[in-house]
Amino acid sequence: GVRGLPFPSVLFYKNRIDNDQSCLQMNEFSWKDVTNALSLANLILGLFSIFCSFCKRCHCASWMLLISFLLDMAVGAITRHLSLCSKSGVELNDLAVYTTFGLASAMLLGVDGPLSGFLGIIYVLAATFRLCFYSTGAQLTYKGLPCRYASCVLASTSLLTKGNTFILSCMASLMILFMMDQSYYPHDEILESENWKKMVYLGGIIMLLLSPFSLTAFYCLLWSLSYIFFPDALWGKAACLRLQCR
């Protein structure tokens, strides 16, 4: 209790503290709901992308993957910024990432023949290996190319080439190598980093909503390739500065 205060005052302060704690818990719970809803939307987009690929509508399938690319970044940013962590939320997000950036992305290659089918299986295995075994435990780096960037490259390439099987197969083979590679990539904390990185993300949303389809695909392709080929020079600068400050 609070010494020197009348009993009603003690009850007032106790109720106020309890109310503040309840508000904090409700706020945290509501943000967890938001992240879970975004992860669920990501999963649904991945399932619809698979359905569109089966129906030979690779154009729609690719667009759903690009939307998922942006959604997944938003989920990661909210989770890190608010330090949200729940077992169910992590499992839901992992399922969404595997379905969308593993299975749905591989379906863009088609299953018309043995070669494309075999490459699709290898792509799914590479994504699985990357998600399950390449967890470094480091806070600022990924081991192997994150699956969402490989997926973004495939989706953008599919849109720009109108689903050209040969070019897609070449790009998929390259993405498999990057995902299986043991090189380190910086955490792309775009929404928590420099303003220009936030503008890159905002540009992706604006492009998706307002610009011509081919221009959006080209923008997302350049974005992903810049992360793949210049990870430290462009996307790792803020991470290095934070390490030096510590």
C-alpha atoms as a PDB file:
ATOM      1  CA  GLY A   1       0.000   0.000   0.000  1.00  0.00           C
ATOM      2  CA  VAL A   2       0.920   3.690  -0.001  1.00  0.00           C
ATOM      3  CA  ARG A   3       1.898   4.817   3.521  1.00  0.00           C
ATOM      4  CA  GLY A   4       0.476   8.027   4.944  1.00  0.00           C
ATOM      5  CA  LEU A   5      -2.579   8.039   2.677  1.00  0.00           C
ATOM      6  CA  PRO A   6      -6.183   7.375   3.672  1.00  0.00           C
ATOM      7  CA  PHE A   7      -7.633   4.023   2.677  1.00  0.00           C
ATOM      8  CA  PRO A   8      -9.750   5.457  -0.223  1.00  0.00           C
ATOM      9  CA  SER A   9      -6.622   7.057  -1.705  1.00  0.00           C
ATOM     10  CA  VAL A  10      -4.809   3.740  -1.556  1.00  0.00           C
ATOM     11  CA  LEU A  11      -7.663   2.107  -3.445  1.00  0.00           C
ATOM     12  CA  PHE A  12      -7.613   4.922  -6.005  1.00  0.00           C
ATOM     13  CA  TYR A  13      -3.903   4.487  -6.756  1.00  0.00           C
ATOM     14  CA  LYS A  14      -4.243   0.706  -6.845  1.00  0.00           C
ATOM     15  CA  ASN A  15      -7.137   0.899  -9.297  1.00  0.00           C
ATOM     16  CA  ARG A  16      -5.228   3.386 -11.433  1.00  0.00           C
ATOM     17  CA  ILE A  17      -2.176   1.107 -11.609  1.00  0.00           C
ATOM     18  CA  ASP A  18      -4.394  -1.869 -12.446  1.00  0.00           C
ATOM     19  CA  ASN A  19      -6.123   0.121 -15.193  1.00  0.00           C
ATOM     20  CA  ASP A  20      -2.790   1.219 -16.678  1.00  0.00           C
ATOM     21  CA  GLN A  21      -1.548  -2.376 -16.725  1.00  0.00           C
ATOM     22  CA  SER A  22      -4.790  -3.543 -18.320  1.00  0.00           C
ATOM     23  CA  CYS A  23      -4.493  -0.873 -21.022  1.00  0.00           C
ATOM     24  CA  LEU A  24      -0.920  -1.933 -21.793  1.00  0.00           C
ATOM     25  CA  GLN A  25      -1.946  -5.584 -22.021  1.00  0.00           C
ATOM     26  CA  MET A  26      -4.903  -4.758 -24.277  1.00  0.00           C
ATOM     27  CA  ASN A  27      -2.693  -2.587 -26.494  1.00  0.00           C
ATOM     28  CA  GLU A  28      -0.125  -5.369 -26.829  1.00  0.00           C
ATOM     29  CA  PHE A  29      -2.892  -7.888 -27.514  1.00  0.00           C
ATOM     30  CA  SER A  30      -4.419  -5.680 -30.221  1.00  0.00           C
ATOM     31  CA  TRP A  31      -1.062  -5.255 -31.985  1.00  0.00           C
ATOM     32  CA  LYS A  32      -0.541  -9.012 -31.850  1.00  0.00           C
ATOM     33  CA  ASP A  33      -3.922  -9.342 -33.541  1.00  0.00           C
ATOM     34  CA  VAL A  34      -2.772  -6.935 -36.246  1.00  0.00           C
ATOM     35  CA  THR A  35       0.428  -8.876 -36.942  1.00  0.00           C
ATOM     36  CA  ASN A  36      -1.454 -12.185 -36.913  1.00  0.00           C
ATOM     37  CA  ALA A  37      -4.019 -10.748 -39.338  1.00  0.00           C
ATOM     38  CA  LEU A  38      -1.249  -9.599 -41.687  1.00  0.00           C
ATOM     39  CA  SER A  39       0.421 -13.021 -41.494  1.00  0.00           C
ATOM     40  CA  LEU A  40      -2.923 -14.675 -42.217  1.00  0.00           C
ATOM     41  CA  ALA A  41      -3.452 -12.355 -45.191  1.00  0.00           C
ATOM     42  CA  ASN A  42       0.033 -13.297 -46.399  1.00  0.00           C
ATOM     43  CA  LEU A  43      -0.876 -16.989 -46.136  1.00  0.00           C
ATOM     44  CA  ILE A  44      -4.160 -16.487 -47.994  1.00  0.00           C
ATOM     45  CA  LEU A  45      -2.392 -14.590 -50.777  1.00  0.00           C
ATOM     46  CA  GLY A  46       0.069 -17.462 -51.091  1.00  0.00           C
ATOM     47  CA  LEU A  47      -2.735 -20.018 -51.367  1.00  0.00           C
ATOM     48  CA  PHE A  48      -4.547 -17.935 -53.984  1.00  0.00           C
ATOM     49  CA  SER A  49      -1.266 -17.537 -55.854  1.00  0.00           C
ATOM     50  CA  ILE A  50      -0.920 -21.333 -55.975  1.00  0.00           C
ATOM     51  CA  PHE A  51      -4.506 -21.601 -57.229  1.00  0.00           C
ATOM     52  CA  CYS A  52      -3.850 -18.998 -59.943  1.00  0.00           C
ATOM     53  CA  SER A  53      -0.720 -20.864 -61.050  1.00  0.00           C
ATOM     54  CA  PHE A  54      -2.738 -24.071 -61.394  1.00  0.00           C
ATOM     55  CA  CYS A  55      -5.264 -22.138 -63.488  1.00  0.00           C
ATOM     56  CA  LYS A  56      -2.456 -20.811 -65.741  1.00  0.00           C
ATOM     57  CA  ARG A  57      -2.971 -17.255 -64.518  1.00  0.00           C
ATOM     58  CA  CYS A  58       0.652 -16.520 -63.682  1.00  0.00           C
ATOM     59  CA  HIS A  59       0.023 -12.789 -63.993  1.00  0.00           C
ATOM     60  CA  CYS A  60      -2.346 -12.796 -60.988  1.00  0.00           C
ATOM     61  CA  ALA A  61      -0.146 -15.258 -59.103  1.00  0.00           C
ATOM     62  CA  SER A  62       2.855 -12.958 -59.466  1.00  0.00           C
ATOM     63  CA  TRP A  63       0.962  -9.900 -58.250  1.00  0.00           C
ATOM     64  CA  MET A  64      -0.127 -11.717 -55.118  1.00  0.00           C
ATOM     65  CA  LEU A  65       3.490 -12.580 -54.379  1.00  0.00           C
ATOM     66  CA  LEU A  66       4.543  -8.937 -54.711  1.00  0.00           C
ATOM     67  CA  ILE A  67       1.816  -7.875 -52.276  1.00  0.00           C
ATOM     68  CA  SER A  68       2.982 -10.591 -49.880  1.00  0.00           C
ATOM     69  CA  PHE A  69       6.528  -9.259 -50.183  1.00  0.00           C
ATOM     70  CA  LEU A  70       5.398  -5.909 -48.775  1.00  0.00           C
ATOM     71  CA  LEU A  71       3.111  -7.486 -46.173  1.00  0.00           C
ATOM     72  CA  ASP A  72       5.885  -9.661 -44.781  1.00  0.00           C
ATOM     73  CA  MET A  73       8.091  -6.608 -44.260  1.00  0.00           C
ATOM     74  CA  ALA A  74       5.288  -4.861 -42.384  1.00  0.00           C
ATOM     75  CA  VAL A  75       4.798  -7.876 -40.095  1.00  0.00           C
ATOM     76  CA  GLY A  76       8.505  -7.983 -39.272  1.00  0.00           C
ATOM     77  CA  ALA A  77       8.674  -4.238 -38.615  1.00  0.00           C
ATOM     78  CA  ILE A  78       5.694  -4.210 -36.236  1.00  0.00           C
ATOM     79  CA  THR A  79       6.923  -7.297 -34.387  1.00  0.00           C
ATOM     80  CA  ARG A  80      10.421  -5.893 -33.870  1.00  0.00           C
ATOM     81  CA  HIS A  81       9.322  -2.356 -33.013  1.00  0.00           C
ATOM     82  CA  LEU A  82       6.847  -3.454 -30.340  1.00  0.00           C
ATOM     83  CA  SER A  83       8.862  -6.504 -29.209  1.00  0.00           C
ATOM     84  CA  LEU A  84       5.898  -8.775 -29.850  1.00  0.00           C
ATOM     85  CA  CYS A  85       6.579 -12.470 -29.618  1.00  0.00           C
ATOM     86  CA  SER A  86       4.086 -15.292 -29.262  1.00  0.00           C
ATOM     87  CA  LYS A  87       4.407 -18.941 -30.191  1.00  0.00           C
ATOM     88  CA  SER A  88       1.214 -18.937 -32.241  1.00  0.00           C
ATOM     89  CA  GLY A  89       2.226 -15.742 -34.056  1.00  0.00           C
ATOM     90  CA  VAL A  90       5.664 -17.093 -34.942  1.00  0.00           C
ATOM     91  CA  GLU A  91       4.213 -20.389 -36.179  1.00  0.00           C
ATOM     92  CA  LEU A  92       1.573 -18.613 -38.273  1.00  0.00           C
ATOM     93  CA  ASN A  93       4.170 -16.326 -39.830  1.00  0.00           C
ATOM     94  CA  ASP A  94       6.513 -19.248 -40.566  1.00  0.00           C
ATOM     95  CA  LEU A  95       3.663 -21.120 -42.262  1.00  0.00           C
ATOM     96  CA  ALA A  96       2.786 -18.035 -44.310  1.00  0.00           C
ATOM     97  CA  VAL A  97       6.413 -17.511 -45.368  1.00  0.00           C
ATOM     98  CA  TYR A  98       6.845 -21.161 -46.364  1.00  0.00           C
ATOM     99  CA  THR A  99       3.557 -21.292 -48.281  1.00  0.00           C
ATOM    100  CA  THR A 100       3.956 -17.971 -50.068  1.00  0.00           C
ATOM    101  CA  PHE A 101       7.681 -17.617 -50.651  1.00  0.00           C
ATOM    102  CA  GLY A 102       8.355 -21.340 -50.970  1.00  0.00           C
ATOM    103  CA  LEU A 103       5.456 -23.259 -52.519  1.00  0.00           C
ATOM    104  CA  ALA A 104       3.668 -20.431 -54.345  1.00  0.00           C
ATOM    105  CA  SER A 105       6.907 -19.023 -55.766  1.00  0.00           C
ATOM    106  CA  ALA A 106       7.945 -22.456 -57.044  1.00  0.00           C
ATOM    107  CA  MET A 107       4.568 -22.819 -58.761  1.00  0.00           C
ATOM    108  CA  LEU A 108       5.456 -19.886 -61.029  1.00  0.00           C
ATOM    109  CA  LEU A 109       7.885 -22.259 -62.755  1.00  0.00           C
ATOM    110  CA  GLY A 110       5.002 -24.479 -63.828  1.00  0.00           C
ATOM    111  CA  VAL A 111       4.656 -28.232 -63.571  1.00  0.00           C
ATOM    112  CA  ASP A 112       4.120 -28.952 -67.252  1.00  0.00           C
ATOM    113  CA  GLY A 113       7.238 -31.038 -67.729  1.00  0.00           C
ATOM    114  CA  PRO A 114       9.752 -33.071 -65.756  1.00  0.00           C
ATOM    115  CA  LEU A 115      12.460 -30.385 -65.861  1.00  0.00           C
ATOM    116  CA  SER A 116      10.298 -27.525 -64.600  1.00  0.00           C
ATOM    117  CA  GLY A 117       8.700 -29.813 -62.033  1.00  0.00           C
ATOM    118  CA  PHE A 118      12.094 -30.981 -60.789  1.00  0.00           C
ATOM    119  CA  LEU A 119      13.352 -27.394 -60.559  1.00  0.00           C
ATOM    120  CA  GLY A 120      10.224 -26.453 -58.618  1.00  0.00           C
ATOM    121  CA  ILE A 121      10.902 -29.253 -56.122  1.00  0.00           C
ATOM    122  CA  ILE A 122      14.518 -28.110 -55.723  1.00  0.00           C
ATOM    123  CA  TYR A 123      13.319 -24.542 -55.163  1.00  0.00           C
ATOM    124  CA  VAL A 124      10.918 -25.637 -52.404  1.00  0.00           C
ATOM    125  CA  LEU A 125      13.657 -27.729 -50.775  1.00  0.00           C
ATOM    126  CA  ALA A 126      16.060 -24.772 -50.898  1.00  0.00           C
ATOM    127  CA  ALA A 127      13.463 -22.492 -49.293  1.00  0.00           C
ATOM    128  CA  THR A 128      12.776 -25.139 -46.635  1.00  0.00           C
ATOM    129  CA  PHE A 129      16.473 -25.567 -45.906  1.00  0.00           C
ATOM    130  CA  ARG A 130      16.921 -21.800 -45.714  1.00  0.00           C
ATOM    131  CA  LEU A 131      14.031 -21.361 -43.284  1.00  0.00           C
ATOM    132  CA  CYS A 132      14.833 -24.327 -41.041  1.00  0.00           C
ATOM    133  CA  PHE A 133      18.608 -24.565 -40.861  1.00  0.00           C
ATOM    134  CA  TYR A 134      20.018 -21.131 -41.661  1.00  0.00           C
ATOM    135  CA  SER A 135      18.995 -19.396 -38.469  1.00  0.00           C
ATOM    136  CA  THR A 136      22.174 -17.750 -37.227  1.00  0.00           C
ATOM    137  CA  GLY A 137      20.927 -16.390 -33.937  1.00  0.00           C
ATOM    138  CA  ALA A 138      22.453 -13.012 -34.853  1.00  0.00           C
ATOM    139  CA  GLN A 139      20.227  -9.964 -34.518  1.00  0.00           C
ATOM    140  CA  LEU A 140      21.464  -8.018 -37.527  1.00  0.00           C
ATOM    141  CA  THR A 141      22.163 -10.629 -40.204  1.00  0.00           C
ATOM    142  CA  TYR A 142      20.528 -13.400 -42.209  1.00  0.00           C
ATOM    143  CA  LYS A 143      22.439 -16.458 -43.349  1.00  0.00           C
ATOM    144  CA  GLY A 144      21.511 -17.090 -46.946  1.00  0.00           C
ATOM    145  CA  LEU A 145      19.229 -14.913 -49.053  1.00  0.00           C
ATOM    146  CA  PRO A 146      15.835 -14.338 -47.365  1.00  0.00           C
ATOM    147  CA  CYS A 147      13.114 -16.211 -49.234  1.00  0.00           C
ATOM    148  CA  ARG A 148      10.957 -13.143 -49.794  1.00  0.00           C
ATOM    149  CA  TYR A 149      13.622 -11.505 -51.976  1.00  0.00           C
ATOM    150  CA  ALA A 150      13.997 -14.635 -54.089  1.00  0.00           C
ATOM    151  CA  SER A 151      10.214 -14.720 -54.446  1.00  0.00           C
ATOM    152  CA  CYS A 152      10.091 -11.037 -55.416  1.00  0.00           C
ATOM    153  CA  VAL A 153      12.703 -11.612 -58.118  1.00  0.00           C
ATOM    154  CA  LEU A 154      10.735 -14.529 -59.582  1.00  0.00           C
ATOM    155  CA  ALA A 155       7.404 -12.684 -59.458  1.00  0.00           C
ATOM    156  CA  SER A 156       8.855  -9.537 -61.061  1.00  0.00           C
ATOM    157  CA  THR A 157      10.637 -11.563 -63.734  1.00  0.00           C
ATOM    158  CA  SER A 158       7.437 -13.462 -64.499  1.00  0.00           C
ATOM    159  CA  LEU A 159       5.533 -10.203 -64.987  1.00  0.00           C
ATOM    160  CA  LEU A 160       8.222  -8.574 -67.130  1.00  0.00           C
ATOM    161  CA  THR A 161       8.771 -11.626 -69.360  1.00  0.00           C
ATOM    162  CA  LYS A 162       5.102 -12.674 -69.461  1.00  0.00           C
ATOM    163  CA  GLY A 163       5.955 -15.973 -67.821  1.00  0.00           C
ATOM    164  CA  ASN A 164       8.850 -16.981 -70.071  1.00  0.00           C
ATOM    165  CA  THR A 165       9.736 -20.454 -68.797  1.00  0.00           C
ATOM    166  CA  PHE A 166      13.397 -20.395 -69.808  1.00  0.00           C
ATOM    167  CA  ILE A 167      14.163 -17.036 -68.176  1.00  0.00           C
ATOM    168  CA  LEU A 168      12.202 -17.983 -65.061  1.00  0.00           C
ATOM    169  CA  SER A 169      14.114 -21.258 -64.780  1.00  0.00           C
ATOM    170  CA  CYS A 170      17.429 -19.418 -65.032  1.00  0.00           C
ATOM    171  CA  MET A 171      16.395 -16.900 -62.381  1.00  0.00           C
ATOM    172  CA  ALA A 172      15.069 -19.659 -60.115  1.00  0.00           C
ATOM    173  CA  SER A 173      18.362 -21.549 -60.383  1.00  0.00           C
ATOM    174  CA  LEU A 174      20.217 -18.384 -59.418  1.00  0.00           C
ATOM    175  CA  MET A 175      17.887 -17.747 -56.465  1.00  0.00           C
ATOM    176  CA  ILE A 176      18.380 -21.331 -55.260  1.00  0.00           C
ATOM    177  CA  LEU A 177      22.125 -20.743 -55.156  1.00  0.00           C
ATOM    178  CA  PHE A 178      21.698 -17.491 -53.228  1.00  0.00           C
ATOM    179  CA  MET A 179      19.333 -19.076 -50.698  1.00  0.00           C
ATOM    180  CA  MET A 180      21.686 -22.019 -50.158  1.00  0.00           C
ATOM    181  CA  ASP A 181      24.750 -19.799 -50.031  1.00  0.00           C
ATOM    182  CA  GLN A 182      26.217 -19.304 -46.562  1.00  0.00           C
ATOM    183  CA  SER A 183      26.896 -15.610 -47.095  1.00  0.00           C
ATOM    184  CA  TYR A 184      25.453 -13.148 -44.601  1.00  0.00           C
ATOM    185  CA  TYR A 185      22.828 -10.563 -45.528  1.00  0.00           C
ATOM    186  CA  PRO A 186      21.933  -7.617 -43.285  1.00  0.00           C
ATOM    187  CA  HIS A 187      18.513  -7.363 -41.700  1.00  0.00           C
ATOM    188  CA  ASP A 188      16.451  -5.170 -44.001  1.00  0.00           C
ATOM    189  CA  GLU A 189      14.844  -3.074 -41.288  1.00  0.00           C
ATOM    190  CA  ILE A 190      13.446  -0.735 -43.896  1.00  0.00           C
ATOM    191  CA  LEU A 191      10.641   0.703 -41.786  1.00  0.00           C
ATOM    192  CA  GLU A 192      12.960   1.264 -38.800  1.00  0.00           C
ATOM    193  CA  SER A 193      15.967   2.660 -40.649  1.00  0.00           C
ATOM    194  CA  GLU A 194      16.941   5.731 -42.681  1.00  0.00           C
ATOM    195  CA  ASN A 195      14.218   7.794 -44.298  1.00  0.00           C
ATOM    196  CA  TRP A 196      15.279   6.892 -47.832  1.00  0.00           C
ATOM    197  CA  LYS A 197      14.666   3.203 -47.069  1.00  0.00           C
ATOM    198  CA  LYS A 198      11.192   4.050 -45.821  1.00  0.00           C
ATOM    199  CA  MET A 199      10.644   5.909 -49.084  1.00  0.00           C
ATOM    200  CA  VAL A 200      11.695   2.799 -51.000  1.00  0.00           C
ATOM    201  CA  TYR A 201       9.008   0.819 -49.179  1.00  0.00           C
ATOM    202  CA  LEU A 202       6.407   3.560 -49.645  1.00  0.00           C
ATOM    203  CA  GLY A 203       7.358   3.719 -53.319  1.00  0.00           C
ATOM    204  CA  GLY A 204       6.613   0.009 -53.634  1.00  0.00           C
ATOM    205  CA  ILE A 205       3.117   0.515 -52.216  1.00  0.00           C
ATOM    206  CA  ILE A 206       2.446   3.524 -54.464  1.00  0.00           C
ATOM    207  CA  MET A 207       3.728   1.654 -57.498  1.00  0.00           C
ATOM    208  CA  LEU A 208       1.475  -1.295 -56.724  1.00  0.00           C
ATOM    209  CA  LEU A 209      -1.596   0.909 -56.403  1.00  0.00           C
ATOM    210  CA  LEU A 210      -1.096   3.586 -59.038  1.00  0.00           C
ATOM    211  CA  SER A 211       1.603   2.858 -61.599  1.00  0.00           C
ATOM    212  CA  PRO A 212       1.571   0.682 -64.739  1.00  0.00           C
ATOM    213  CA  PHE A 213       2.110  -3.011 -64.054  1.00  0.00           C
ATOM    214  CA  SER A 214       5.397  -3.299 -65.924  1.00  0.00           C
ATOM    215  CA  LEU A 215       6.888  -0.305 -64.084  1.00  0.00           C
ATOM    216  CA  THR A 216       5.911  -1.793 -60.713  1.00  0.00           C
ATOM    217  CA  ALA A 217       7.520  -5.117 -61.575  1.00  0.00           C
ATOM    218  CA  PHE A 218      10.690  -3.349 -62.721  1.00  0.00           C
ATOM    219  CA  TYR A 219      10.795  -1.304 -59.493  1.00  0.00           C
ATOM    220  CA  CYS A 220      10.446  -4.402 -57.293  1.00  0.00           C
ATOM    221  CA  LEU A 221      13.041  -6.267 -59.355  1.00  0.00           C
ATOM    222  CA  LEU A 222      15.594  -3.454 -58.945  1.00  0.00           C
ATOM    223  CA  TRP A 223      14.804  -3.270 -55.240  1.00  0.00           C
ATOM    224  CA  SER A 224      15.425  -6.990 -54.725  1.00  0.00           C
ATOM    225  CA  LEU A 225      18.523  -7.154 -56.910  1.00  0.00           C
ATOM    226  CA  SER A 226      20.065  -4.190 -55.070  1.00  0.00           C
ATOM    227  CA  TYR A 227      19.661  -6.115 -51.814  1.00  0.00           C
ATOM    228  CA  ILE A 228      21.080  -9.312 -53.327  1.00  0.00           C
ATOM    229  CA  PHE A 229      24.147  -7.820 -55.008  1.00  0.00           C
ATOM    230  CA  PHE A 230      24.844  -4.821 -52.735  1.00  0.00           C
ATOM    231  CA  PRO A 231      23.693  -6.001 -49.297  1.00  0.00           C
ATOM    232  CA  ASP A 232      26.335  -4.241 -47.225  1.00  0.00           C
ATOM    233  CA  ALA A 233      26.901  -1.174 -49.381  1.00  0.00           C
ATOM    234  CA  LEU A 234      23.217  -0.185 -49.428  1.00  0.00           C
ATOM    235  CA  TRP A 235      21.172  -2.107 -46.907  1.00  0.00           C
ATOM    236  CA  GLY A 236      23.766  -2.888 -44.249  1.00  0.00           C
ATOM    237  CA  LYS A 237      25.012   0.625 -43.537  1.00  0.00           C
ATOM    238  CA  ALA A 238      22.606   1.322 -40.668  1.00  0.00           C
ATOM    239  CA  ALA A 239      23.311  -2.059 -39.098  1.00  0.00           C
ATOM    240  CA  CYS A 240      27.059  -1.411 -39.138  1.00  0.00           C
ATOM    241  CA  LEU A 241      26.584   2.011 -37.557  1.00  0.00           C
ATOM    242  CA  ARG A 242      24.473   0.523 -34.772  1.00  0.00           C
ATOM    243  CA  LEU A 243      27.136  -2.082 -34.075  1.00  0.00           C
ATOM    244  CA  GLN A 244      29.825   0.605 -33.859  1.00  0.00           C
ATOM    245  CA  CYS A 245      27.733   2.701 -31.468  1.00  0.00           C
ATOM    246  CA  ARG A 246      27.385  -0.269 -29.150  1.00  0.00           C
END
